Amino acid sequence: MSVEHEEKRRLRRDLLEVRRALPADVVAARGAALARRVRELDELRAVSADSPPTVAAYVSIGGEPDTRALIDGLRAAGVRVLLPVLLPDNDLDWAVYEGPDHLVPAGWGLHEPDGPRLMPEAVTQADVVLLPGLAVDRTGLRLGRGGGSYDRVLARLERAGGRTSLVVLVYDDEVVDAVPAEPHDRRVHAAVTPSGVHRFRH
């Protein structure tokens, strides 16, 4: 096990402990602020009925920044929202979000859309991919939970060669100076926190 891998484990543990201590009302309030900030993204400002943007998002769990208001707000604004479906090998399939009544419980405390599966490659249709993360550094390097699902998503997007904007959703104090890097890690273009949008140059 590399030094960087072990450093990631320690950092994940510490960050998750802080998140677990957050009261539910704080998580909800920060989620509402996050939803407003995501709508400030230049990539989503011009929503056209003829060509609505597609956003790949996710349903938050636990102490993650709450995305319920976010995905509902995007859908109400005419954005096509894709949500992930966890596959047995930890890869992600996708389905269109049709509203909260169309979310069903899945393993690991997740909620997934109940609509038709679009295949893992559907994420390459997205104009913006909103990624979960535990932290992001000032170069755009994202620290995930370590399951590898979004590493596969990012690799798939890179192979597709598109111009998808990669945006991680974190709390303000989770934008840090540096996170440990491993060869497979890929940088994101921006982070959205409850207080604003942070762009990265790379």
N, C-alpha and C. Protein backbone atom coordinates (compact mmCIF):
# COMPACT_ATOMS: atom_id res chain seq x y z
N MET A 1 0.85 -1.19 0.00
CA MET A 1 0.00 0.00 0.00
C MET A 1 0.89 1.25 0.00
N SER A 2 0.61 2.20 -0.91
CA SER A 2 1.45 3.38 -1.04
C SER A 2 1.21 4.35 0.12
N VAL A 3 2.17 5.24 0.30
CA VAL A 3 2.03 6.28 1.32
C VAL A 3 0.81 7.14 1.01
N GLU A 4 0.62 7.47 -0.27
CA GLU A 4 -0.53 8.32 -0.66
C GLU A 4 -1.85 7.63 -0.34
N HIS A 5 -1.92 6.32 -0.59
CA HIS A 5 -3.15 5.57 -0.30
C HIS A 5 -3.46 5.60 1.19
N GLU A 6 -2.45 5.42 2.00
CA GLU A 6 -2.65 5.44 3.45
C GLU A 6 -3.04 6.84 3.91
N GLU A 7 -2.44 7.86 3.33
CA GLU A 7 -2.82 9.23 3.68
C GLU A 7 -4.28 9.51 3.32
N LYS A 8 -4.72 8.98 2.18
CA LYS A 8 -6.12 9.14 1.79
C LYS A 8 -7.05 8.48 2.81
N ARG A 9 -6.68 7.31 3.27
CA ARG A 9 -7.52 6.61 4.25
C ARG A 9 -7.68 7.44 5.51
N ARG A 10 -6.58 7.99 5.99
CA ARG A 10 -6.65 8.80 7.21
C ARG A 10 -7.48 10.06 7.00
N LEU A 11 -7.29 10.70 5.86
CA LEU A 11 -8.03 11.92 5.58
C LEU A 11 -9.53 11.63 5.44
N ARG A 12 -9.87 10.54 4.75
CA ARG A 12 -11.28 10.16 4.64
C ARG A 12 -11.90 9.94 6.01
N ARG A 13 -11.20 9.23 6.86
CA ARG A 13 -11.71 8.96 8.20
C ARG A 13 -12.00 10.25 8.94
N ASP A 14 -11.06 11.17 8.90
CA ASP A 14 -11.24 12.44 9.62
C ASP A 14 -12.38 13.26 9.05
N LEU A 15 -12.48 13.34 7.73
CA LEU A 15 -13.54 14.13 7.10
C LEU A 15 -14.91 13.52 7.35
N LEU A 16 -15.01 12.21 7.29
CA LEU A 16 -16.29 11.55 7.54
C LEU A 16 -16.74 11.75 8.99
N GLU A 17 -15.79 11.77 9.91
CA GLU A 17 -16.13 12.00 11.32
C GLU A 17 -16.74 13.39 11.50
N VAL A 18 -16.18 14.38 10.83
CA VAL A 18 -16.73 15.74 10.91
C VAL A 18 -18.13 15.77 10.31
N ARG A 19 -18.31 15.13 9.17
CA ARG A 19 -19.63 15.11 8.54
C ARG A 19 -20.68 14.42 9.41
N ARG A 20 -20.29 13.33 10.04
CA ARG A 20 -21.25 12.60 10.88
C ARG A 20 -21.75 13.45 12.05
N ALA A 21 -20.96 14.41 12.46
CA ALA A 21 -21.33 15.26 13.60
C ALA A 21 -22.25 16.42 13.22
N LEU A 22 -22.48 16.60 11.92
CA LEU A 22 -23.31 17.73 11.49
C LEU A 22 -24.78 17.48 11.81
N PRO A 23 -25.47 18.42 12.46
CA PRO A 23 -26.91 18.26 12.71
C PRO A 23 -27.69 18.24 11.39
N ALA A 24 -28.82 17.56 11.39
CA ALA A 24 -29.62 17.41 10.17
C ALA A 24 -30.07 18.76 9.61
N ASP A 25 -30.39 19.71 10.50
CA ASP A 25 -30.86 21.01 10.00
C ASP A 25 -29.73 21.78 9.32
N VAL A 26 -28.50 21.59 9.78
CA VAL A 26 -27.36 22.24 9.14
C VAL A 26 -27.12 21.64 7.76
N VAL A 27 -27.20 20.32 7.65
CA VAL A 27 -27.03 19.65 6.36
C VAL A 27 -28.09 20.15 5.37
N ALA A 28 -29.34 20.26 5.84
CA ALA A 28 -30.43 20.72 4.96
C ALA A 28 -30.23 22.17 4.52
N ALA A 29 -29.84 23.03 5.46
CA ALA A 29 -29.64 24.45 5.13
C ALA A 29 -28.50 24.62 4.13
N ARG A 30 -27.42 23.89 4.36
CA ARG A 30 -26.30 23.98 3.43
C ARG A 30 -26.66 23.40 2.06
N GLY A 31 -27.52 22.39 2.07
CA GLY A 31 -27.99 21.82 0.80
C GLY A 31 -28.81 22.81 0.00
N ALA A 32 -29.65 23.58 0.68
CA ALA A 32 -30.44 24.60 0.00
C ALA A 32 -29.53 25.67 -0.61
N ALA A 33 -28.50 26.07 0.14
CA ALA A 33 -27.55 27.05 -0.37
C ALA A 33 -26.77 26.48 -1.57
N LEU A 34 -26.41 25.22 -1.47
CA LEU A 34 -25.68 24.56 -2.55
C LEU A 34 -26.51 24.55 -3.83
N ALA A 35 -27.80 24.27 -3.70
CA ALA A 35 -28.69 24.24 -4.87
C ALA A 35 -28.69 25.59 -5.57
N ARG A 36 -28.72 26.66 -4.80
CA ARG A 36 -28.69 28.00 -5.41
C ARG A 36 -27.37 28.25 -6.11
N ARG A 37 -26.28 27.81 -5.51
CA ARG A 37 -24.96 28.04 -6.09
C ARG A 37 -24.77 27.26 -7.39
N VAL A 38 -25.27 26.04 -7.45
CA VAL A 38 -25.13 25.25 -8.67
C VAL A 38 -25.82 25.95 -9.83
N ARG A 39 -26.95 26.59 -9.55
CA ARG A 39 -27.67 27.31 -10.61
C ARG A 39 -26.86 28.50 -11.13
N GLU A 40 -25.82 28.92 -10.40
CA GLU A 40 -24.96 30.02 -10.84
C GLU A 40 -23.90 29.57 -11.84
N LEU A 41 -23.76 28.26 -12.04
CA LEU A 41 -22.77 27.77 -12.99
C LEU A 41 -23.08 28.30 -14.38
N ASP A 42 -22.07 28.84 -15.05
CA ASP A 42 -22.26 29.36 -16.40
C ASP A 42 -22.83 28.30 -17.32
N GLU A 43 -22.44 27.06 -17.12
CA GLU A 43 -22.88 25.97 -17.99
C GLU A 43 -24.39 25.75 -17.92
N LEU A 44 -25.05 26.27 -16.87
CA LEU A 44 -26.49 26.03 -16.69
C LEU A 44 -27.32 27.31 -16.78
N ARG A 45 -26.70 28.41 -17.04
CA ARG A 45 -27.44 29.68 -17.03
C ARG A 45 -28.46 29.76 -18.16
N ALA A 46 -28.11 29.31 -19.32
CA ALA A 46 -29.02 29.40 -20.47
C ALA A 46 -29.69 28.05 -20.68
N VAL A 47 -30.88 27.90 -20.14
CA VAL A 47 -31.64 26.67 -20.32
C VAL A 47 -32.61 26.87 -21.48
N SER A 48 -32.43 26.10 -22.52
CA SER A 48 -33.28 26.21 -23.71
C SER A 48 -34.25 25.04 -23.77
N ALA A 49 -35.51 25.34 -24.05
CA ALA A 49 -36.50 24.28 -24.17
C ALA A 49 -36.19 23.38 -25.35
N ASP A 50 -35.54 23.95 -26.39
CA ASP A 50 -35.20 23.17 -27.57
C ASP A 50 -34.01 22.26 -27.33
N SER A 51 -33.10 22.72 -26.48
CA SER A 51 -31.89 21.94 -26.22
C SER A 51 -31.50 22.07 -24.75
N PRO A 52 -32.28 21.46 -23.86
CA PRO A 52 -31.97 21.58 -22.43
C PRO A 52 -30.67 20.86 -22.09
N PRO A 53 -29.90 21.42 -21.16
CA PRO A 53 -28.67 20.74 -20.77
C PRO A 53 -28.97 19.44 -20.02
N THR A 54 -28.01 18.56 -20.05
CA THR A 54 -28.08 17.32 -19.28
C THR A 54 -27.07 17.39 -18.16
N VAL A 55 -27.52 17.10 -16.96
CA VAL A 55 -26.65 17.10 -15.78
C VAL A 55 -26.70 15.72 -15.14
N ALA A 56 -25.54 15.11 -14.97
CA ALA A 56 -25.45 13.88 -14.19
C ALA A 56 -25.21 14.29 -12.73
N ALA A 57 -26.12 13.90 -11.86
CA ALA A 57 -26.03 14.27 -10.45
C ALA A 57 -26.08 13.00 -9.61
N TYR A 58 -26.45 13.13 -8.34
CA TYR A 58 -26.56 11.97 -7.47
C TYR A 58 -27.45 12.34 -6.29
N VAL A 59 -27.98 11.33 -5.62
CA VAL A 59 -28.79 11.53 -4.42
C VAL A 59 -27.88 11.37 -3.22
N SER A 60 -27.77 12.43 -2.43
CA SER A 60 -26.85 12.41 -1.29
C SER A 60 -27.31 11.44 -0.21
N ILE A 61 -26.35 10.99 0.58
CA ILE A 61 -26.64 10.14 1.73
C ILE A 61 -25.84 10.65 2.93
N GLY A 62 -26.33 10.33 4.11
CA GLY A 62 -25.61 10.65 5.33
C GLY A 62 -25.31 12.14 5.46
N GLY A 63 -24.07 12.45 5.80
CA GLY A 63 -23.68 13.83 6.00
C GLY A 63 -23.22 14.54 4.75
N GLU A 64 -23.39 13.90 3.57
CA GLU A 64 -23.01 14.57 2.33
C GLU A 64 -23.82 15.84 2.14
N PRO A 65 -23.27 16.83 1.43
CA PRO A 65 -24.09 17.99 1.09
C PRO A 65 -25.40 17.55 0.44
N ASP A 66 -26.50 18.01 0.99
CA ASP A 66 -27.83 17.53 0.59
C ASP A 66 -28.13 17.95 -0.85
N THR A 67 -28.41 16.97 -1.71
CA THR A 67 -28.68 17.27 -3.12
C THR A 67 -30.15 17.17 -3.49
N ARG A 68 -31.04 16.91 -2.54
CA ARG A 68 -32.46 16.75 -2.92
C ARG A 68 -33.03 18.02 -3.53
N ALA A 69 -32.81 19.17 -2.87
CA ALA A 69 -33.31 20.44 -3.41
C ALA A 69 -32.64 20.74 -4.75
N LEU A 70 -31.40 20.37 -4.88
CA LEU A 70 -30.64 20.62 -6.10
C LEU A 70 -31.24 19.88 -7.29
N ILE A 71 -31.43 18.59 -7.16
CA ILE A 71 -31.92 17.83 -8.32
C ILE A 71 -33.36 18.19 -8.65
N ASP A 72 -34.16 18.50 -7.62
CA ASP A 72 -35.54 18.93 -7.89
C ASP A 72 -35.55 20.28 -8.60
N GLY A 73 -34.67 21.19 -8.16
CA GLY A 73 -34.61 22.50 -8.77
C GLY A 73 -34.14 22.44 -10.21
N LEU A 74 -33.14 21.61 -10.48
CA LEU A 74 -32.67 21.46 -11.85
C LEU A 74 -33.76 20.90 -12.75
N ARG A 75 -34.44 19.87 -12.27
CA ARG A 75 -35.51 19.27 -13.07
C ARG A 75 -36.62 20.27 -13.34
N ALA A 76 -37.01 21.05 -12.31
CA ALA A 76 -38.07 22.05 -12.47
C ALA A 76 -37.67 23.13 -13.47
N ALA A 77 -36.37 23.38 -13.61
CA ALA A 77 -35.88 24.40 -14.54
C ALA A 77 -35.75 23.87 -15.97
N GLY A 78 -36.08 22.62 -16.18
CA GLY A 78 -36.02 22.06 -17.52
C GLY A 78 -34.75 21.31 -17.84
N VAL A 79 -33.90 21.13 -16.85
CA VAL A 79 -32.65 20.39 -17.06
C VAL A 79 -32.96 18.88 -17.05
N ARG A 80 -32.34 18.16 -17.96
CA ARG A 80 -32.44 16.69 -17.96
C ARG A 80 -31.43 16.18 -16.94
N VAL A 81 -31.91 15.54 -15.90
CA VAL A 81 -31.06 15.09 -14.80
C VAL A 81 -30.91 13.57 -14.87
N LEU A 82 -29.67 13.12 -14.92
CA LEU A 82 -29.36 11.69 -14.84
C LEU A 82 -28.88 11.37 -13.43
N LEU A 83 -29.34 10.25 -12.89
CA LEU A 83 -28.89 9.80 -11.58
C LEU A 83 -28.28 8.41 -11.70
N PRO A 84 -27.30 8.11 -10.86
CA PRO A 84 -26.60 6.84 -10.98
C PRO A 84 -27.36 5.66 -10.37
N VAL A 85 -27.07 4.50 -10.94
CA VAL A 85 -27.56 3.22 -10.42
C VAL A 85 -26.33 2.35 -10.21
N LEU A 86 -26.08 1.97 -8.97
CA LEU A 86 -24.87 1.20 -8.65
C LEU A 86 -24.99 -0.23 -9.16
N LEU A 87 -24.00 -0.65 -9.94
CA LEU A 87 -23.96 -2.01 -10.48
C LEU A 87 -23.19 -2.93 -9.53
N PRO A 88 -23.35 -4.24 -9.67
CA PRO A 88 -22.67 -5.17 -8.76
C PRO A 88 -21.15 -5.03 -8.73
N ASP A 89 -20.55 -4.57 -9.83
CA ASP A 89 -19.09 -4.42 -9.86
C ASP A 89 -18.64 -3.02 -9.45
N ASN A 90 -19.57 -2.22 -8.88
CA ASN A 90 -19.30 -0.85 -8.42
C ASN A 90 -19.22 0.17 -9.54
N ASP A 91 -19.46 -0.25 -10.79
CA ASP A 91 -19.59 0.73 -11.86
C ASP A 91 -20.97 1.38 -11.75
N LEU A 92 -21.21 2.43 -12.52
CA LEU A 92 -22.47 3.16 -12.44
C LEU A 92 -23.21 3.13 -13.77
N ASP A 93 -24.45 2.67 -13.72
CA ASP A 93 -25.41 2.84 -14.80
C ASP A 93 -26.13 4.16 -14.51
N TRP A 94 -27.02 4.60 -15.41
CA TRP A 94 -27.70 5.88 -15.24
C TRP A 94 -29.15 5.78 -15.68
N ALA A 95 -30.00 6.60 -15.07
CA ALA A 95 -31.41 6.70 -15.47
C ALA A 95 -31.85 8.15 -15.28
N VAL A 96 -32.87 8.55 -16.02
CA VAL A 96 -33.37 9.92 -15.92
C VAL A 96 -34.17 10.09 -14.63
N TYR A 97 -33.95 11.20 -13.95
CA TYR A 97 -34.68 11.52 -12.73
C TYR A 97 -36.04 12.07 -13.10
N GLU A 98 -37.09 11.41 -12.62
CA GLU A 98 -38.47 11.81 -12.92
C GLU A 98 -39.19 12.36 -11.69
N GLY A 99 -38.46 12.68 -10.65
CA GLY A 99 -39.07 13.24 -9.45
C GLY A 99 -38.90 12.34 -8.25
N PRO A 100 -39.13 12.89 -7.04
CA PRO A 100 -38.88 12.13 -5.81
C PRO A 100 -39.72 10.87 -5.66
N ASP A 101 -40.89 10.84 -6.28
CA ASP A 101 -41.72 9.63 -6.20
C ASP A 101 -41.15 8.48 -7.02
N HIS A 102 -40.14 8.77 -7.81
CA HIS A 102 -39.53 7.75 -8.66
C HIS A 102 -38.14 7.36 -8.18
N LEU A 103 -37.87 7.60 -6.89
CA LEU A 103 -36.64 7.12 -6.27
C LEU A 103 -36.96 5.91 -5.41
N VAL A 104 -36.15 4.89 -5.51
CA VAL A 104 -36.39 3.67 -4.74
C VAL A 104 -35.14 3.35 -3.91
N PRO A 105 -35.33 2.77 -2.71
CA PRO A 105 -34.18 2.40 -1.89
C PRO A 105 -33.32 1.34 -2.58
N ALA A 106 -32.02 1.46 -2.40
CA ALA A 106 -31.07 0.48 -2.94
C ALA A 106 -30.07 0.14 -1.84
N GLY A 107 -29.09 -0.65 -2.17
CA GLY A 107 -28.09 -1.04 -1.18
C GLY A 107 -27.26 0.11 -0.68
N TRP A 108 -26.63 -0.06 0.47
CA TRP A 108 -25.71 0.92 1.06
C TRP A 108 -26.41 2.24 1.41
N GLY A 109 -27.71 2.19 1.61
CA GLY A 109 -28.43 3.40 1.97
C GLY A 109 -28.71 4.34 0.81
N LEU A 110 -28.43 3.89 -0.40
CA LEU A 110 -28.62 4.72 -1.58
C LEU A 110 -30.08 4.76 -2.02
N HIS A 111 -30.43 5.79 -2.78
CA HIS A 111 -31.71 5.85 -3.48
C HIS A 111 -31.42 6.02 -4.96
N GLU A 112 -32.14 5.26 -5.77
CA GLU A 112 -31.88 5.23 -7.20
C GLU A 112 -33.16 5.47 -7.99
N PRO A 113 -33.06 6.02 -9.19
CA PRO A 113 -34.24 6.22 -10.02
C PRO A 113 -34.81 4.89 -10.50
N ASP A 114 -36.13 4.84 -10.66
CA ASP A 114 -36.75 3.57 -11.04
C ASP A 114 -37.00 3.45 -12.54
N GLY A 115 -36.52 4.40 -13.31
CA GLY A 115 -36.77 4.39 -14.75
C GLY A 115 -35.83 3.48 -15.52
N PRO A 116 -36.00 3.45 -16.85
CA PRO A 116 -35.16 2.59 -17.69
C PRO A 116 -33.68 2.92 -17.55
N ARG A 117 -32.88 1.88 -17.55
CA ARG A 117 -31.43 2.04 -17.46
C ARG A 117 -30.88 2.44 -18.82
N LEU A 118 -29.94 3.38 -18.81
CA LEU A 118 -29.41 3.94 -20.05
C LEU A 118 -28.02 3.45 -20.41
N MET A 119 -27.43 2.62 -19.56
CA MET A 119 -26.08 2.08 -19.73
C MET A 119 -25.03 3.05 -19.18
N PRO A 120 -23.88 2.52 -18.73
CA PRO A 120 -22.85 3.37 -18.14
C PRO A 120 -22.35 4.50 -19.05
N GLU A 121 -22.38 4.28 -20.36
CA GLU A 121 -21.88 5.29 -21.29
C GLU A 121 -22.79 6.52 -21.37
N ALA A 122 -24.00 6.44 -20.81
CA ALA A 122 -24.93 7.57 -20.88
C ALA A 122 -24.36 8.82 -20.23
N VAL A 123 -23.46 8.66 -19.29
CA VAL A 123 -22.88 9.82 -18.61
C VAL A 123 -22.11 10.71 -19.59
N THR A 124 -21.64 10.14 -20.69
CA THR A 124 -20.90 10.94 -21.66
C THR A 124 -21.80 11.93 -22.39
N GLN A 125 -23.14 11.81 -22.24
CA GLN A 125 -24.07 12.77 -22.83
C GLN A 125 -24.21 14.03 -21.97
N ALA A 126 -23.69 14.00 -20.77
CA ALA A 126 -23.90 15.10 -19.82
C ALA A 126 -23.05 16.31 -20.18
N ASP A 127 -23.67 17.48 -20.02
CA ASP A 127 -22.93 18.74 -20.16
C ASP A 127 -22.14 19.03 -18.87
N VAL A 128 -22.72 18.63 -17.75
CA VAL A 128 -22.10 18.82 -16.44
C VAL A 128 -22.26 17.53 -15.65
N VAL A 129 -21.21 17.10 -14.99
CA VAL A 129 -21.28 15.98 -14.06
C VAL A 129 -21.00 16.51 -12.67
N LEU A 130 -21.98 16.36 -11.79
CA LEU A 130 -21.84 16.75 -10.39
C LEU A 130 -21.36 15.54 -9.61
N LEU A 131 -20.19 15.66 -9.01
CA LEU A 131 -19.53 14.53 -8.36
C LEU A 131 -19.57 14.66 -6.84
N PRO A 132 -19.82 13.55 -6.15
CA PRO A 132 -19.62 13.58 -4.70
C PRO A 132 -18.14 13.60 -4.38
N GLY A 133 -17.80 14.09 -3.23
CA GLY A 133 -16.42 14.10 -2.80
C GLY A 133 -16.34 14.42 -1.33
N LEU A 134 -15.22 14.10 -0.74
CA LEU A 134 -14.97 14.45 0.66
C LEU A 134 -14.13 15.70 0.78
N ALA A 135 -13.37 16.00 -0.26
CA ALA A 135 -12.54 17.20 -0.27
C ALA A 135 -12.07 17.43 -1.69
N VAL A 136 -11.62 18.64 -1.94
CA VAL A 136 -10.98 18.98 -3.21
C VAL A 136 -9.88 19.99 -2.90
N ASP A 137 -8.76 19.85 -3.61
CA ASP A 137 -7.69 20.82 -3.32
C ASP A 137 -7.71 21.95 -4.34
N ARG A 138 -6.81 22.88 -4.19
CA ARG A 138 -6.85 24.10 -4.98
C ARG A 138 -6.34 23.93 -6.40
N THR A 139 -5.96 22.69 -6.75
CA THR A 139 -5.65 22.37 -8.14
C THR A 139 -6.78 21.58 -8.80
N GLY A 140 -7.84 21.29 -8.04
CA GLY A 140 -8.95 20.53 -8.58
C GLY A 140 -8.87 19.04 -8.34
N LEU A 141 -7.93 18.60 -7.55
CA LEU A 141 -7.81 17.18 -7.25
C LEU A 141 -8.85 16.79 -6.20
N ARG A 142 -9.70 15.85 -6.55
CA ARG A 142 -10.83 15.45 -5.71
C ARG A 142 -10.50 14.20 -4.89
N LEU A 143 -10.93 14.22 -3.64
CA LEU A 143 -10.83 13.02 -2.79
C LEU A 143 -12.21 12.41 -2.67
N GLY A 144 -12.39 11.20 -3.21
CA GLY A 144 -13.65 10.48 -3.10
C GLY A 144 -13.67 9.57 -1.89
N ARG A 145 -14.68 8.71 -1.84
CA ARG A 145 -14.82 7.79 -0.71
C ARG A 145 -13.93 6.57 -0.84
N GLY A 146 -13.40 6.32 -2.03
CA GLY A 146 -12.48 5.20 -2.18
C GLY A 146 -13.09 3.97 -2.81
N GLY A 147 -14.37 4.03 -3.20
CA GLY A 147 -15.01 2.87 -3.82
C GLY A 147 -14.66 2.67 -5.28
N GLY A 148 -14.21 3.73 -5.93
CA GLY A 148 -13.77 3.61 -7.32
C GLY A 148 -14.85 3.85 -8.37
N SER A 149 -16.11 4.01 -7.96
CA SER A 149 -17.19 4.17 -8.94
C SER A 149 -16.99 5.41 -9.81
N TYR A 150 -16.67 6.51 -9.17
CA TYR A 150 -16.51 7.74 -9.95
C TYR A 150 -15.15 7.82 -10.64
N ASP A 151 -14.18 7.06 -10.19
CA ASP A 151 -12.94 6.95 -10.96
C ASP A 151 -13.25 6.37 -12.33
N ARG A 152 -14.16 5.40 -12.37
CA ARG A 152 -14.55 4.80 -13.65
C ARG A 152 -15.32 5.80 -14.51
N VAL A 153 -16.19 6.57 -13.87
CA VAL A 153 -16.94 7.59 -14.60
C VAL A 153 -15.98 8.60 -15.23
N LEU A 154 -15.02 9.08 -14.45
CA LEU A 154 -14.08 10.07 -14.95
C LEU A 154 -13.20 9.50 -16.07
N ALA A 155 -12.80 8.26 -15.93
CA ALA A 155 -12.01 7.62 -16.99
C ALA A 155 -12.85 7.47 -18.26
N ARG A 156 -14.13 7.14 -18.11
CA ARG A 156 -15.03 6.99 -19.27
C ARG A 156 -15.21 8.33 -19.99
N LEU A 157 -15.35 9.38 -19.22
CA LEU A 157 -15.50 10.71 -19.81
C LEU A 157 -14.23 11.13 -20.53
N GLU A 158 -13.09 10.81 -19.96
CA GLU A 158 -11.82 11.15 -20.59
C GLU A 158 -11.66 10.41 -21.91
N ARG A 159 -12.02 9.15 -21.93
CA ARG A 159 -11.92 8.37 -23.17
C ARG A 159 -12.86 8.92 -24.24
N ALA A 160 -14.02 9.42 -23.82
CA ALA A 160 -15.00 9.94 -24.78
C ALA A 160 -14.53 11.24 -25.42
N GLY A 161 -13.61 11.93 -24.76
CA GLY A 161 -13.02 13.12 -25.35
C GLY A 161 -13.95 14.31 -25.46
N GLY A 162 -15.02 14.34 -24.69
CA GLY A 162 -15.94 15.46 -24.75
C GLY A 162 -15.49 16.64 -23.91
N ARG A 163 -16.40 17.60 -23.79
CA ARG A 163 -16.09 18.81 -23.01
C ARG A 163 -16.98 18.91 -21.78
N THR A 164 -17.27 17.79 -21.18
CA THR A 164 -18.11 17.77 -20.00
C THR A 164 -17.45 18.52 -18.85
N SER A 165 -18.20 19.38 -18.18
CA SER A 165 -17.68 20.08 -17.01
C SER A 165 -17.80 19.18 -15.78
N LEU A 166 -16.72 19.02 -15.06
CA LEU A 166 -16.67 18.16 -13.88
C LEU A 166 -16.69 19.04 -12.65
N VAL A 167 -17.71 18.87 -11.82
CA VAL A 167 -17.92 19.76 -10.67
C VAL A 167 -18.16 18.91 -9.42
N VAL A 168 -17.34 19.10 -8.41
CA VAL A 168 -17.50 18.36 -7.15
C VAL A 168 -18.29 19.21 -6.17
N LEU A 169 -19.15 18.57 -5.39
CA LEU A 169 -19.97 19.25 -4.39
C LEU A 169 -19.41 18.95 -3.01
N VAL A 170 -18.96 19.99 -2.30
CA VAL A 170 -18.38 19.81 -0.98
C VAL A 170 -18.77 20.98 -0.08
N TYR A 171 -18.47 20.86 1.20
CA TYR A 171 -18.66 21.96 2.13
C TYR A 171 -17.48 22.93 2.00
N ASP A 172 -17.68 24.15 2.51
CA ASP A 172 -16.66 25.18 2.37
C ASP A 172 -15.31 24.77 2.96
N ASP A 173 -15.33 24.13 4.13
CA ASP A 173 -14.06 23.79 4.77
C ASP A 173 -13.42 22.53 4.17
N GLU A 174 -14.05 21.97 3.13
CA GLU A 174 -13.49 20.81 2.45
C GLU A 174 -12.74 21.19 1.17
N VAL A 175 -12.65 22.49 0.90
CA VAL A 175 -11.74 22.98 -0.14
C VAL A 175 -10.41 23.25 0.57
N VAL A 176 -9.44 22.38 0.31
CA VAL A 176 -8.20 22.36 1.10
C VAL A 176 -7.00 22.68 0.21
N ASP A 177 -5.85 22.86 0.85
CA ASP A 177 -4.64 23.19 0.10
C ASP A 177 -4.17 22.04 -0.78
N ALA A 178 -4.24 20.81 -0.26
CA ALA A 178 -3.75 19.67 -1.03
C ALA A 178 -4.39 18.39 -0.52
N VAL A 179 -4.64 17.46 -1.45
CA VAL A 179 -5.03 16.10 -1.07
C VAL A 179 -4.03 15.14 -1.69
N PRO A 180 -3.81 13.96 -1.08
CA PRO A 180 -2.86 13.00 -1.63
C PRO A 180 -3.28 12.57 -3.03
N ALA A 181 -2.30 12.43 -3.92
CA ALA A 181 -2.59 12.07 -5.32
C ALA A 181 -1.99 10.71 -5.66
N GLU A 182 -2.77 9.93 -6.42
CA GLU A 182 -2.31 8.67 -6.97
C GLU A 182 -2.41 8.75 -8.49
N PRO A 183 -1.73 7.86 -9.22
CA PRO A 183 -1.67 7.99 -10.68
C PRO A 183 -3.04 8.00 -11.37
N HIS A 184 -4.03 7.29 -10.80
CA HIS A 184 -5.34 7.20 -11.47
C HIS A 184 -6.23 8.42 -11.21
N ASP A 185 -5.83 9.31 -10.32
CA ASP A 185 -6.67 10.45 -9.95
C ASP A 185 -6.76 11.45 -11.10
N ARG A 186 -7.96 12.02 -11.27
CA ARG A 186 -8.19 13.03 -12.29
C ARG A 186 -8.77 14.27 -11.64
N ARG A 187 -8.41 15.42 -12.18
CA ARG A 187 -8.85 16.68 -11.61
C ARG A 187 -10.21 17.11 -12.15
N VAL A 188 -10.92 17.89 -11.34
CA VAL A 188 -12.21 18.44 -11.75
C VAL A 188 -12.01 19.90 -12.16
N HIS A 189 -13.02 20.44 -12.83
CA HIS A 189 -12.94 21.81 -13.31
C HIS A 189 -13.38 22.83 -12.25
N ALA A 190 -14.26 22.40 -11.36
CA ALA A 190 -14.81 23.35 -10.38
C ALA A 190 -15.32 22.61 -9.17
N ALA A 191 -15.49 23.36 -8.10
CA ALA A 191 -16.17 22.87 -6.90
C ALA A 191 -17.28 23.87 -6.58
N VAL A 192 -18.42 23.34 -6.15
CA VAL A 192 -19.49 24.20 -5.64
C VAL A 192 -19.64 23.91 -4.15
N THR A 193 -19.61 24.97 -3.36
CA THR A 193 -19.83 24.88 -1.92
C THR A 193 -21.04 25.75 -1.59
N PRO A 194 -21.55 25.67 -0.37
CA PRO A 194 -22.68 26.55 -0.02
C PRO A 194 -22.40 28.03 -0.18
N SER A 195 -21.13 28.43 -0.18
CA SER A 195 -20.83 29.86 -0.28
C SER A 195 -20.46 30.32 -1.68
N GLY A 196 -20.23 29.38 -2.62
CA GLY A 196 -19.88 29.86 -3.94
C GLY A 196 -19.30 28.80 -4.86
N VAL A 197 -18.89 29.27 -6.04
CA VAL A 197 -18.30 28.41 -7.06
C VAL A 197 -16.80 28.66 -7.12
N HIS A 198 -16.02 27.60 -7.09
CA HIS A 198 -14.56 27.69 -7.14
C HIS A 198 -14.10 27.03 -8.45
N ARG A 199 -13.39 27.80 -9.28
CA ARG A 199 -12.87 27.28 -10.54
C ARG A 199 -11.40 26.92 -10.40
N PHE A 200 -10.99 25.87 -11.11
CA PHE A 200 -9.60 25.42 -11.05
C PHE A 200 -8.97 25.48 -12.44
N ARG A 201 -7.73 25.90 -12.50
CA ARG A 201 -6.98 25.92 -13.75
C ARG A 201 -6.04 24.74 -13.81
N HIS A 202 -6.14 23.97 -14.87
CA HIS A 202 -5.20 22.85 -15.07
C HIS A 202 -5.23 22.41 -16.51
